[in-house]
């Protein structure tokens, strides 16, 4: 059973002379000693020394903290329920759950903004390129975008900006290339390519419709390369050597004549 510090202090104050608080605190031996001491003093000197001891014990109990009292008299354990009080467990209300969910959403949005901001800080060439683009310094913008690309090679927005700038510079192939890269790295708003004024040059190109139909990708055809001159010469030499071997086999050339003609062919 759990013992109360206040109860023990009151017993010590009013019944300490006979050790009531000691019995309450399960200190039976000391309680019996207080009784014998009271009886001896009452018959001998008739001065209530045990009463003073009880007052001193009461003072100690009143000034003792709950944790110290529990550690000494309640085995250090303090249950959650005490003195008949019930600990009510309340389920979170719908409003509380909604607030928690909104807090989670805000935290995610904040982390996304922090990541975007940190990327911009880590790649200052994107900002400088955008400023030059707005000032119609397209060649300067391309120079900064190229440096930004070395830091962020998979930045879809950066590739899109480079494609728009190359279109304004009327460099079709490079503009096509960066549109491909922008889409490859996650660019979704393809309508901007069809409506933005910066891509007007591309839209009037004869192959733009094919480029668009192919998912904004350039159609690449594999070409058959012509054989090199040295390969043709090797084939001709091999043919002539085979003819010499055939003549030797048929007996139309001696071994000496075969070697002589062979050396002539190899020296060419």
Protein backbone atom coordinates (compact mmCIF):
# COMPACT_ATOMS: atom_id res chain seq x y z
CA UNK A 1 0.00 0.00 0.00
CA UNK A 2 1.26 3.48 -0.81
CA UNK A 3 1.97 5.73 2.18
CA UNK A 4 1.29 9.47 2.26
CA UNK A 5 3.88 11.98 3.37
CA UNK A 6 1.29 14.40 4.77
CA UNK A 7 -0.48 11.67 6.75
CA UNK A 8 2.82 10.53 8.23
CA UNK A 9 3.71 14.12 9.17
CA UNK A 10 0.37 14.70 10.93
CA UNK A 11 0.71 11.43 12.87
CA UNK A 12 4.22 12.45 13.90
CA UNK A 13 2.99 15.86 15.05
CA UNK A 14 0.08 14.61 17.15
CA UNK A 15 1.07 11.05 18.02
CA UNK A 16 4.82 11.10 17.66
CA UNK A 17 5.36 10.57 21.39
CA UNK A 18 4.05 7.01 21.07
CA UNK A 19 5.51 6.43 17.57
CA UNK A 20 2.28 6.37 15.55
CA UNK A 21 4.02 7.71 12.45
CA UNK A 22 6.69 5.01 12.77
CA UNK A 23 4.07 2.27 12.80
CA UNK A 24 2.37 3.94 9.78
CA UNK A 25 5.68 3.96 7.95
CA UNK A 26 6.25 0.27 8.77
CA UNK A 27 9.20 1.11 11.05
CA UNK A 28 7.83 -1.17 13.80
CA UNK A 29 11.01 -1.43 15.85
CA UNK A 30 11.42 2.32 16.18
CA UNK A 31 7.72 2.69 17.01
CA UNK A 32 8.04 0.19 19.91
CA UNK A 33 11.16 2.02 21.08
CA UNK A 34 9.19 5.32 21.16
CA UNK A 35 6.51 3.67 23.38
CA UNK A 36 9.04 2.29 25.88
CA UNK A 37 10.92 5.58 25.90
CA UNK A 38 7.70 7.48 26.62
CA UNK A 39 6.80 5.13 29.50
CA UNK A 40 10.32 5.38 30.99
CA UNK A 41 10.50 9.15 30.74
CA UNK A 42 6.97 9.57 32.11
CA UNK A 43 7.86 7.55 35.23
CA UNK A 44 11.37 8.92 35.70
CA UNK A 45 11.73 12.58 34.73
CA UNK A 46 8.22 13.35 33.55
CA UNK A 47 9.40 15.40 30.51
CA UNK A 48 7.91 14.60 27.07
CA UNK A 49 11.16 14.13 25.15
CA UNK A 50 9.45 11.76 22.70
CA UNK A 51 6.94 14.51 21.92
CA UNK A 52 9.85 16.69 20.82
CA UNK A 53 11.20 13.81 18.75
CA UNK A 54 7.76 13.49 17.09
CA UNK A 55 7.71 17.23 16.32
CA UNK A 56 11.17 16.96 14.77
CA UNK A 57 10.06 13.97 12.66
CA UNK A 58 6.96 15.90 11.58
CA UNK A 59 9.10 18.85 10.51
CA UNK A 60 11.34 16.55 8.45
CA UNK A 61 8.33 14.94 6.78
CA UNK A 62 6.70 18.29 5.97
CA UNK A 63 9.90 19.63 4.38
CA UNK A 64 10.76 16.41 2.53
CA UNK A 65 10.01 16.28 -1.22
CA UNK A 66 7.59 13.70 -2.61
CA UNK A 67 10.34 11.99 -4.59
CA UNK A 68 12.54 11.65 -1.49
CA UNK A 69 9.60 10.30 0.53
CA UNK A 70 8.68 7.78 -2.17
CA UNK A 71 12.29 6.66 -2.54
CA UNK A 72 12.52 6.00 1.19
CA UNK A 73 9.07 4.70 2.13
CA UNK A 74 7.33 3.66 -1.11
CA UNK A 75 10.18 1.65 -2.69
CA UNK A 76 10.89 4.47 -5.17
CA UNK A 77 7.81 3.69 -7.26
CA UNK A 78 5.04 6.19 -7.75
CA UNK A 79 1.98 4.84 -9.54
CA UNK A 80 0.12 6.92 -12.05
CA UNK A 81 -3.12 6.62 -10.09
CA UNK A 82 -3.07 8.02 -6.56
CA UNK A 83 -5.63 8.81 -3.90
CA UNK A 84 -8.43 7.45 -6.01
CA UNK A 85 -7.83 9.89 -8.86
CA UNK A 86 -8.31 8.43 -12.31
CA UNK A 87 -6.05 9.32 -15.16
CA UNK A 88 -8.31 9.90 -18.11
CA UNK A 89 -6.98 8.93 -21.50
CA UNK A 90 -8.52 11.10 -24.12
CA UNK A 91 -8.47 10.26 -27.80
CA UNK A 92 -7.33 13.05 -30.12
CA UNK A 93 -10.28 14.93 -31.56
CA UNK A 94 -10.85 15.40 -35.27
CA UNK A 95 -9.70 19.03 -34.95
CA UNK A 96 -6.47 17.89 -33.28
CA UNK A 97 -5.82 15.31 -36.01
CA UNK A 98 -6.50 17.92 -38.71
CA UNK A 99 -4.06 20.31 -37.07
CA UNK A 100 -1.42 17.61 -36.88
CA UNK A 101 -1.90 16.75 -40.56
CA UNK A 102 -1.69 20.41 -41.56
CA UNK A 103 1.48 20.77 -39.48
CA UNK A 104 3.00 17.81 -41.34
CA UNK A 105 2.04 19.34 -44.72
CA UNK A 106 3.51 22.71 -43.74
CA UNK A 107 6.70 21.02 -42.57
CA UNK A 108 7.04 19.20 -45.90
CA UNK A 109 6.41 22.40 -47.85
CA UNK A 110 8.97 24.22 -45.73
CA UNK A 111 11.56 21.49 -46.31
CA UNK A 112 10.91 21.62 -50.07
CA UNK A 113 11.35 25.40 -50.08
CA UNK A 114 14.54 25.03 -48.07
CA UNK A 115 15.89 22.49 -50.58
CA UNK A 116 15.07 24.74 -53.54
CA UNK A 117 16.60 27.75 -51.79
CA UNK A 118 19.75 25.82 -50.91
CA UNK A 119 20.10 24.65 -54.52
CA UNK A 120 19.83 28.23 -55.78
CA UNK A 121 22.42 29.35 -53.25
CA UNK A 122 24.71 26.50 -54.30
CA UNK A 123 24.31 27.38 -58.01
CA UNK A 124 24.54 31.18 -58.35
CA UNK A 125 25.04 30.94 -62.14
CA UNK A 126 21.33 30.17 -62.62
CA UNK A 127 20.37 33.51 -61.08
CA UNK A 128 22.98 35.46 -63.01
CA UNK A 129 21.96 33.72 -66.25
CA UNK A 130 18.29 34.59 -65.63
CA UNK A 131 19.19 38.23 -65.04
CA UNK A 132 21.16 38.40 -68.30
CA UNK A 133 18.29 36.71 -70.13
CA UNK A 134 15.90 39.39 -68.86
CA UNK A 135 18.35 42.07 -70.06
CA UNK A 136 18.38 40.46 -73.55
CA UNK A 137 22.04 39.48 -73.12
CA UNK A 138 21.38 36.01 -74.54
CA UNK A 139 25.00 35.08 -75.24
CA UNK A 140 25.99 36.10 -71.70
CA UNK A 141 23.06 34.10 -70.35
CA UNK A 142 24.23 31.01 -72.26
CA UNK A 143 27.73 31.38 -70.77
CA UNK A 144 26.32 31.46 -67.24
CA UNK A 145 23.88 28.63 -67.94
CA UNK A 146 26.76 26.45 -69.14
CA UNK A 147 28.59 27.01 -65.87
CA UNK A 148 25.38 26.30 -63.96
CA UNK A 149 24.99 23.07 -65.94
CA UNK A 150 28.34 21.83 -64.64
CA UNK A 151 26.95 22.09 -61.10
CA UNK A 152 23.39 20.90 -61.84
CA UNK A 153 23.49 18.74 -64.99
CA UNK A 154 20.03 17.24 -64.34
CA UNK A 155 18.16 20.47 -63.66
CA UNK A 156 15.13 20.36 -65.98
CA UNK A 157 14.31 24.08 -65.60
CA UNK A 158 17.89 25.00 -66.48
CA UNK A 159 17.76 22.94 -69.70
CA UNK A 160 14.43 24.56 -70.58
CA UNK A 161 15.89 28.06 -70.14
CA UNK A 162 18.89 27.12 -72.29
CA UNK A 163 16.56 25.79 -75.02
CA UNK A 164 14.60 29.07 -75.02
CA UNK A 165 17.80 31.11 -75.17
CA UNK A 166 19.25 29.06 -78.05
CA UNK A 167 15.98 29.47 -79.94
CA UNK A 168 16.28 33.24 -79.59
CA UNK A 169 19.83 32.95 -80.92
CA UNK A 170 18.41 30.88 -83.84
CA UNK A 171 20.52 27.83 -83.02
CA UNK A 172 18.00 25.12 -83.76
CA UNK A 173 20.02 21.96 -83.02
CA UNK A 174 21.16 23.16 -79.59
CA UNK A 175 17.66 24.30 -78.71
CA UNK A 176 16.25 20.88 -79.69
CA UNK A 177 18.94 19.17 -77.61
CA UNK A 178 18.11 21.05 -74.42
CA UNK A 179 14.36 20.56 -74.88
CA UNK A 180 15.07 16.82 -75.03
CA UNK A 181 17.14 17.02 -71.85
CA UNK A 182 14.52 19.11 -70.03
CA UNK A 183 11.83 16.51 -70.75
CA UNK A 184 14.19 13.67 -69.89
CA UNK A 185 14.80 15.19 -66.44
CA UNK A 186 11.12 15.75 -65.65
CA UNK A 187 9.89 18.89 -67.45
CA UNK A 188 6.10 18.46 -67.88
CA UNK A 189 4.65 21.73 -69.19
CA UNK A 190 5.09 21.06 -72.93
CA UNK A 191 2.45 23.66 -73.82
CA UNK A 192 4.95 26.36 -72.92
CA UNK A 193 7.12 25.20 -75.83
CA UNK A 194 4.13 25.62 -78.16
CA UNK A 195 3.07 29.03 -76.82
CA UNK A 196 6.09 30.89 -75.50
CA UNK A 197 7.42 33.61 -77.81
CA UNK A 198 11.01 32.51 -77.22
CA UNK A 199 10.32 29.32 -79.20
CA UNK A 200 8.77 31.08 -82.21
CA UNK A 201 11.91 30.43 -84.27
CA UNK A 202 11.69 26.70 -83.62
CA UNK A 203 8.00 26.49 -84.42
CA UNK A 204 8.53 27.78 -87.97
CA UNK A 205 11.16 25.13 -88.75
CA UNK A 206 10.18 22.50 -91.30
CA UNK A 207 11.09 19.61 -88.98
CA UNK A 208 9.39 21.01 -85.85
CA UNK A 209 6.19 19.02 -86.41
CA UNK A 210 8.23 15.80 -86.62
CA UNK A 211 10.13 16.86 -83.51
CA UNK A 212 6.85 17.46 -81.66
CA UNK A 213 5.25 14.21 -82.92
CA UNK A 214 8.30 12.28 -81.71
CA UNK A 215 7.71 13.45 -78.14
CA UNK A 216 9.95 16.50 -78.56
CA UNK A 217 12.86 14.29 -79.48
CA UNK A 218 15.04 14.46 -82.56
CA UNK A 219 14.70 11.47 -84.91
CA UNK A 220 18.15 10.06 -85.47
CA UNK A 221 18.91 7.84 -88.49
CA UNK A 222 21.88 5.53 -88.58
CA UNK A 223 23.95 6.13 -91.70
CA UNK A 224 26.04 3.48 -93.42
CA UNK A 225 29.59 4.72 -93.67
CA UNK A 226 31.57 4.17 -96.86
CA UNK A 227 34.50 1.77 -96.51
CA UNK A 228 37.85 3.37 -95.97
CA UNK A 229 40.40 3.53 -98.80
CA UNK A 230 42.89 1.33 -97.01
CA UNK A 231 40.25 -1.40 -96.64
CA UNK A 232 39.60 -1.29 -100.41
CA UNK A 233 43.30 -1.59 -101.11
CA UNK A 234 43.59 -4.58 -98.78
CA UNK A 235 40.76 -6.34 -100.59
CA UNK A 236 42.41 -5.72 -104.02
CA UNK A 237 45.77 -7.04 -102.79
CA UNK A 238 44.13 -10.15 -101.37
CA UNK A 239 42.38 -10.79 -104.70
CA UNK A 240 45.66 -10.53 -106.67
CA UNK A 241 47.46 -12.87 -104.26
CA UNK A 242 44.66 -15.41 -104.59
CA UNK A 243 45.05 -15.26 -108.40
CA UNK A 244 48.81 -15.92 -108.11
CA UNK A 245 48.12 -18.90 -105.86
CA UNK A 246 45.63 -20.23 -108.35
CA UNK A 247 48.18 -19.94 -111.23
CA UNK A 248 50.80 -21.73 -109.15
CA UNK A 249 48.35 -24.49 -108.29
CA UNK A 250 47.50 -24.99 -111.96
CA UNK A 251 51.21 -25.17 -112.80
CA UNK A 252 51.24 -22.01 -114.87
CA UNK A 253 53.73 -20.40 -112.45
CA UNK A 254 56.79 -21.93 -110.86
CA UNK A 255 57.58 -21.42 -107.20
CA UNK A 256 60.31 -18.95 -108.11
CA UNK A 257 57.99 -16.97 -110.38
CA UNK A 258 55.27 -17.02 -107.71
CA UNK A 259 57.59 -15.56 -105.08
CA UNK A 260 58.86 -12.91 -107.48
CA UNK A 261 55.33 -11.72 -108.39
CA UNK A 262 54.28 -11.84 -104.77
CA UNK A 263 57.13 -9.59 -103.69
CA UNK A 264 56.23 -7.12 -106.45
CA UNK A 265 52.65 -6.91 -105.17
CA UNK A 266 53.66 -6.44 -101.55
CA UNK A 267 56.09 -3.61 -102.44
CA UNK A 268 53.33 -1.53 -104.09
